[in-house]
Every structure is written in C-alpha cells, then in structure tokens.
Amino acid sequence: MNNNFQEIAREAARADQIFHIEDIQTLWSGYGKIMRYGLRGVDRERVVISA
C-alpha cells in the first residue's frame, strides 16, 4: 500500500501509528488486495483494508 493510502487509513482510524501485518488475499487477478493492518494509539488493535 502506498504511503498516502496508509496515512488516510491511519487518520480515518484516528490511530497514532498503522503498520502492515499480512496480506490476506489477492483479488481479481492482481487488481487489488485484502490486507490486515495493526493500529497503535486506539482501542482497536487491527483493521482489514481492501485496496
């Protein structure tokens, strides 16, 4: 995921930090991914993002 998208996701979650945990699945012959990210500074520990 590019840095701009990571920053948008971090701000949307109101987290202090966001970090990549794992790629869950590639979608539609490489046209996207489902990824798990960890969060710091909020009560949610993880989010799943499709990009």
C-alpha atoms as a PDB file:
ATOM      1  CA  MET A   1       0.000   0.000   0.000  1.00  0.00           C
ATOM      2  CA  ASN A   2       1.413   3.411  -0.837  1.00  0.00           C
ATOM      3  CA  ASN A   3       2.221   5.869   1.950  1.00  0.00           C
ATOM      4  CA  ASN A   4      -0.642   8.249   1.094  1.00  0.00           C
ATOM      5  CA  PHE A   5      -3.193   5.464   1.444  1.00  0.00           C
ATOM      6  CA  GLN A   6      -1.615   4.364   4.738  1.00  0.00           C
ATOM      7  CA  GLU A   7      -1.830   7.921   6.060  1.00  0.00           C
ATOM      8  CA  ILE A   8      -5.503   8.204   5.036  1.00  0.00           C
ATOM      9  CA  ALA A   9      -6.267   4.889   6.778  1.00  0.00           C
ATOM     10  CA  ARG A  10      -4.367   5.968   9.905  1.00  0.00           C
ATOM     11  CA  GLU A  11      -6.262   9.262  10.076  1.00  0.00           C
ATOM     12  CA  ALA A  12      -9.624   7.563   9.457  1.00  0.00           C
ATOM     13  CA  ALA A  13      -8.966   5.191  12.357  1.00  0.00           C
ATOM     14  CA  ARG A  14      -7.629   8.096  14.483  1.00  0.00           C
ATOM     15  CA  ALA A  15      -4.585   5.980  15.281  1.00  0.00           C
ATOM     16  CA  ASP A  16      -1.110   7.186  16.225  1.00  0.00           C
ATOM     17  CA  GLN A  17       0.503   4.532  14.031  1.00  0.00           C
ATOM     18  CA  ILE A  18      -0.509   1.978  11.414  1.00  0.00           C
ATOM     19  CA  PHE A  19       1.608  -0.983  10.362  1.00  0.00           C
ATOM     20  CA  HIS A  20       1.248  -3.878   7.903  1.00  0.00           C
ATOM     21  CA  ILE A  21       0.666  -7.292   9.477  1.00  0.00           C
ATOM     22  CA  GLU A  22      -0.145  -9.507   6.491  1.00  0.00           C
ATOM     23  CA  ASP A  23      -1.625  -9.780   3.009  1.00  0.00           C
ATOM     24  CA  ILE A  24      -4.779 -11.855   3.356  1.00  0.00           C
ATOM     25  CA  GLN A  25      -5.709 -12.348  -0.295  1.00  0.00           C
ATOM     26  CA  THR A  26      -5.006 -11.026  -3.787  1.00  0.00           C
ATOM     27  CA  LEU A  27      -8.175 -10.048  -5.649  1.00  0.00           C
ATOM     28  CA  TRP A  28      -9.260 -10.362  -9.264  1.00  0.00           C
ATOM     29  CA  SER A  29      -6.041 -11.466 -10.919  1.00  0.00           C
ATOM     30  CA  GLY A  30      -3.907  -8.884  -9.152  1.00  0.00           C
ATOM     31  CA  TYR A  31      -6.302  -5.900  -9.337  1.00  0.00           C
ATOM     32  CA  GLY A  32      -6.287  -5.434  -5.576  1.00  0.00           C
ATOM     33  CA  LYS A  33      -5.534  -6.956  -2.193  1.00  0.00           C
ATOM     34  CA  ILE A  34      -7.111  -7.520   1.173  1.00  0.00           C
ATOM     35  CA  MET A  35      -4.595  -6.691   3.908  1.00  0.00           C
ATOM     36  CA  ARG A  36      -4.532  -6.725   7.687  1.00  0.00           C
ATOM     37  CA  TYR A  37      -3.003  -3.692   9.435  1.00  0.00           C
ATOM     38  CA  GLY A  38      -2.271  -3.100  13.091  1.00  0.00           C
ATOM     39  CA  LEU A  39      -3.091   0.132  14.894  1.00  0.00           C
ATOM     40  CA  ARG A  40      -1.450   1.870  17.845  1.00  0.00           C
ATOM     41  CA  GLY A  41      -2.970   4.595  19.961  1.00  0.00           C
ATOM     42  CA  VAL A  42      -6.619   3.484  19.664  1.00  0.00           C
ATOM     43  CA  ASP A  43      -8.767   0.800  21.266  1.00  0.00           C
ATOM     44  CA  ARG A  44      -8.931  -1.253  18.019  1.00  0.00           C
ATOM     45  CA  GLU A  45      -5.892  -3.461  17.519  1.00  0.00           C
ATOM     46  CA  ARG A  46      -6.377  -4.325  13.839  1.00  0.00           C
ATOM     47  CA  VAL A  47      -8.215  -3.336  10.674  1.00  0.00           C
ATOM     48  CA  VAL A  48      -8.732  -5.100   7.350  1.00  0.00           C
ATOM     49  CA  ILE A  49      -8.276  -2.911   4.290  1.00  0.00           C
ATOM     50  CA  SER A  50      -9.117  -3.633   0.670  1.00  0.00           C
ATOM     51  CA  ALA A  51      -7.030  -1.731  -1.829  1.00  0.00           C
END
